[in-house]
Amino acid sequence: MIVTKVKTHSKQVRVIPSRPSAATETTPSGIHVSIDDIRVRAFHMYQKRGGKHGDDIQDWLNAERQITQR
């Protein structure tokens, strides 16, 4: 499982991948997934929820699922 680190600075939130930005992950089905794509999708989910904290892992897992289903 991949976990992101979230840092807040003056109400600005940045989601940072736990690996270098150029990293890719291979799913069990052999699909290469960009960590940056997941990070951006998860951040958009966070923004859609109104920026409420506490669901970052669920956002990440949902984003990862959506991207790997493409």
N, C-alpha and C. Protein backbone atom coordinates (compact mmCIF):
# COMPACT_ATOMS: atom_id res chain seq x y z
N MET A 1 0.85 -1.17 0.00
CA MET A 1 0.00 0.00 0.00
C MET A 1 0.90 1.23 0.00
N ILE A 2 0.47 2.25 -0.71
CA ILE A 2 1.20 3.50 -0.80
C ILE A 2 0.50 4.52 0.09
N VAL A 3 1.28 5.25 0.86
CA VAL A 3 0.72 6.26 1.74
C VAL A 3 1.36 7.60 1.42
N THR A 4 0.57 8.65 1.39
CA THR A 4 1.11 9.97 1.12
C THR A 4 1.34 10.71 2.42
N LYS A 5 2.20 11.69 2.34
CA LYS A 5 2.42 12.58 3.48
C LYS A 5 1.78 13.92 3.12
N VAL A 6 1.03 14.48 4.02
CA VAL A 6 0.35 15.74 3.75
C VAL A 6 0.94 16.80 4.66
N LYS A 7 1.36 17.90 4.06
CA LYS A 7 1.90 19.02 4.81
C LYS A 7 1.00 20.22 4.60
N THR A 8 0.73 20.95 5.65
CA THR A 8 -0.10 22.14 5.51
C THR A 8 0.74 23.37 5.82
N HIS A 9 0.55 24.39 5.04
CA HIS A 9 1.24 25.66 5.21
C HIS A 9 0.24 26.77 4.89
N SER A 10 -0.17 27.52 5.88
CA SER A 10 -1.08 28.64 5.68
C SER A 10 -2.30 28.25 4.84
N LYS A 11 -2.96 27.20 5.24
CA LYS A 11 -4.16 26.70 4.56
C LYS A 11 -3.88 26.16 3.16
N GLN A 12 -2.63 26.07 2.78
CA GLN A 12 -2.28 25.48 1.50
C GLN A 12 -1.87 24.04 1.77
N VAL A 13 -2.43 23.11 1.02
CA VAL A 13 -2.15 21.70 1.25
C VAL A 13 -1.45 21.13 0.03
N ARG A 14 -0.38 20.42 0.29
CA ARG A 14 0.35 19.75 -0.77
C ARG A 14 0.40 18.27 -0.45
N VAL A 15 0.04 17.44 -1.39
CA VAL A 15 0.14 16.00 -1.21
C VAL A 15 1.43 15.56 -1.86
N ILE A 16 2.28 14.93 -1.09
CA ILE A 16 3.61 14.55 -1.57
C ILE A 16 3.69 13.03 -1.64
N PRO A 17 4.10 12.48 -2.78
CA PRO A 17 4.21 11.02 -2.85
C PRO A 17 5.30 10.52 -1.93
N SER A 18 5.16 9.29 -1.47
CA SER A 18 6.14 8.73 -0.57
C SER A 18 7.38 8.23 -1.31
N ARG A 19 7.36 8.33 -2.63
CA ARG A 19 8.50 7.94 -3.47
C ARG A 19 8.84 9.10 -4.40
N PRO A 20 10.00 9.07 -5.05
CA PRO A 20 10.34 10.14 -6.00
C PRO A 20 9.26 10.31 -7.06
N SER A 21 9.12 11.53 -7.59
CA SER A 21 8.03 11.85 -8.50
C SER A 21 8.06 11.06 -9.81
N ALA A 22 9.20 10.59 -10.22
CA ALA A 22 9.29 9.84 -11.46
C ALA A 22 8.96 8.36 -11.26
N ALA A 23 8.63 7.98 -10.05
CA ALA A 23 8.39 6.58 -9.74
C ALA A 23 7.13 6.06 -10.41
N THR A 24 7.20 4.81 -10.77
CA THR A 24 6.02 4.12 -11.25
C THR A 24 5.89 2.84 -10.44
N GLU A 25 4.69 2.35 -10.43
CA GLU A 25 4.43 1.12 -9.71
C GLU A 25 3.80 0.15 -10.69
N THR A 26 4.07 -1.11 -10.53
CA THR A 26 3.46 -2.11 -11.39
C THR A 26 2.37 -2.83 -10.62
N THR A 27 1.18 -2.84 -11.17
CA THR A 27 0.06 -3.51 -10.53
C THR A 27 0.18 -5.02 -10.75
N PRO A 28 -0.57 -5.82 -10.01
CA PRO A 28 -0.51 -7.27 -10.21
C PRO A 28 -0.83 -7.69 -11.65
N SER A 29 -1.61 -6.88 -12.37
CA SER A 29 -1.93 -7.23 -13.76
C SER A 29 -0.87 -6.75 -14.74
N GLY A 30 0.24 -6.17 -14.23
CA GLY A 30 1.35 -5.76 -15.08
C GLY A 30 1.25 -4.35 -15.63
N ILE A 31 0.30 -3.55 -15.14
CA ILE A 31 0.13 -2.18 -15.62
C ILE A 31 1.07 -1.26 -14.85
N HIS A 32 1.79 -0.39 -15.57
CA HIS A 32 2.66 0.58 -14.91
C HIS A 32 1.84 1.83 -14.59
N VAL A 33 1.88 2.26 -13.34
CA VAL A 33 1.09 3.39 -12.88
C VAL A 33 2.02 4.47 -12.35
N SER A 34 1.82 5.70 -12.78
CA SER A 34 2.62 6.81 -12.31
C SER A 34 2.12 7.27 -10.94
N ILE A 35 3.04 7.38 -10.01
CA ILE A 35 2.71 7.86 -8.67
C ILE A 35 2.16 9.28 -8.75
N ASP A 36 2.70 10.09 -9.65
CA ASP A 36 2.23 11.47 -9.80
C ASP A 36 0.77 11.52 -10.24
N ASP A 37 0.38 10.61 -11.15
CA ASP A 37 -1.01 10.58 -11.58
C ASP A 37 -1.95 10.29 -10.41
N ILE A 38 -1.55 9.35 -9.57
CA ILE A 38 -2.36 9.00 -8.40
C ILE A 38 -2.41 10.17 -7.43
N ARG A 39 -1.26 10.80 -7.21
CA ARG A 39 -1.17 11.92 -6.28
C ARG A 39 -2.10 13.06 -6.70
N VAL A 40 -2.08 13.40 -7.97
CA VAL A 40 -2.92 14.49 -8.48
C VAL A 40 -4.40 14.13 -8.37
N ARG A 41 -4.75 12.90 -8.74
CA ARG A 41 -6.16 12.48 -8.66
C ARG A 41 -6.63 12.50 -7.20
N ALA A 42 -5.80 12.01 -6.28
CA ALA A 42 -6.17 12.00 -4.86
C ALA A 42 -6.34 13.43 -4.33
N PHE A 43 -5.49 14.34 -4.77
CA PHE A 43 -5.60 15.73 -4.34
C PHE A 43 -6.90 16.36 -4.84
N HIS A 44 -7.29 16.03 -6.07
CA HIS A 44 -8.55 16.56 -6.60
C HIS A 44 -9.73 16.01 -5.81
N MET A 45 -9.66 14.78 -5.39
CA MET A 45 -10.72 14.21 -4.55
C MET A 45 -10.80 14.95 -3.22
N TYR A 46 -9.64 15.26 -2.65
CA TYR A 46 -9.57 16.02 -1.40
C TYR A 46 -10.23 17.39 -1.58
N GLN A 47 -9.92 18.04 -2.70
CA GLN A 47 -10.51 19.35 -2.96
C GLN A 47 -12.02 19.26 -3.16
N LYS A 48 -12.49 18.22 -3.84
CA LYS A 48 -13.93 18.04 -4.05
C LYS A 48 -14.67 17.84 -2.72
N ARG A 49 -13.99 17.25 -1.75
CA ARG A 49 -14.59 17.05 -0.43
C ARG A 49 -14.54 18.32 0.40
N GLY A 50 -14.10 19.41 -0.18
CA GLY A 50 -14.05 20.68 0.53
C GLY A 50 -12.81 20.86 1.38
N GLY A 51 -11.79 20.07 1.14
CA GLY A 51 -10.53 20.21 1.86
C GLY A 51 -10.58 19.70 3.29
N LYS A 52 -11.51 18.81 3.57
CA LYS A 52 -11.61 18.26 4.93
C LYS A 52 -10.57 17.16 5.11
N HIS A 53 -9.85 17.23 6.22
CA HIS A 53 -8.79 16.27 6.51
C HIS A 53 -9.37 14.96 7.06
N GLY A 54 -8.59 13.91 6.95
CA GLY A 54 -8.95 12.66 7.58
C GLY A 54 -9.21 11.51 6.63
N ASP A 55 -9.36 11.78 5.34
CA ASP A 55 -9.66 10.71 4.39
C ASP A 55 -8.57 10.57 3.32
N ASP A 56 -7.35 10.98 3.65
CA ASP A 56 -6.29 10.98 2.65
C ASP A 56 -5.95 9.58 2.14
N ILE A 57 -5.96 8.60 3.01
CA ILE A 57 -5.64 7.24 2.56
C ILE A 57 -6.75 6.72 1.66
N GLN A 58 -7.99 6.97 2.03
CA GLN A 58 -9.11 6.53 1.19
C GLN A 58 -9.09 7.24 -0.16
N ASP A 59 -8.75 8.54 -0.18
CA ASP A 59 -8.62 9.27 -1.44
C ASP A 59 -7.55 8.63 -2.31
N TRP A 60 -6.41 8.29 -1.69
CA TRP A 60 -5.30 7.69 -2.44
C TRP A 60 -5.72 6.35 -3.03
N LEU A 61 -6.36 5.51 -2.22
CA LEU A 61 -6.77 4.19 -2.70
C LEU A 61 -7.82 4.30 -3.82
N ASN A 62 -8.75 5.22 -3.68
CA ASN A 62 -9.75 5.44 -4.73
C ASN A 62 -9.10 5.93 -6.02
N ALA A 63 -8.17 6.87 -5.89
CA ALA A 63 -7.46 7.39 -7.07
C ALA A 63 -6.67 6.29 -7.75
N GLU A 64 -5.99 5.48 -6.96
CA GLU A 64 -5.19 4.38 -7.51
C GLU A 64 -6.11 3.39 -8.24
N ARG A 65 -7.25 3.09 -7.67
CA ARG A 65 -8.20 2.17 -8.29
C ARG A 65 -8.72 2.74 -9.61
N GLN A 66 -9.07 4.03 -9.61
CA GLN A 66 -9.59 4.65 -10.83
C GLN A 66 -8.56 4.64 -11.95
N ILE A 67 -7.33 4.95 -11.61
CA ILE A 67 -6.27 5.03 -12.62
C ILE A 67 -5.92 3.65 -13.18
N THR A 68 -5.90 2.65 -12.32
CA THR A 68 -5.55 1.31 -12.81
C THR A 68 -6.67 0.68 -13.61
N GLN A 69 -7.89 1.19 -13.49
CA GLN A 69 -9.02 0.67 -14.25
C GLN A 69 -9.14 1.31 -15.63
N ARG A 70 -8.29 2.30 -15.94
CA ARG A 70 -8.35 2.95 -17.25
C ARG A 70 -8.01 1.98 -18.35
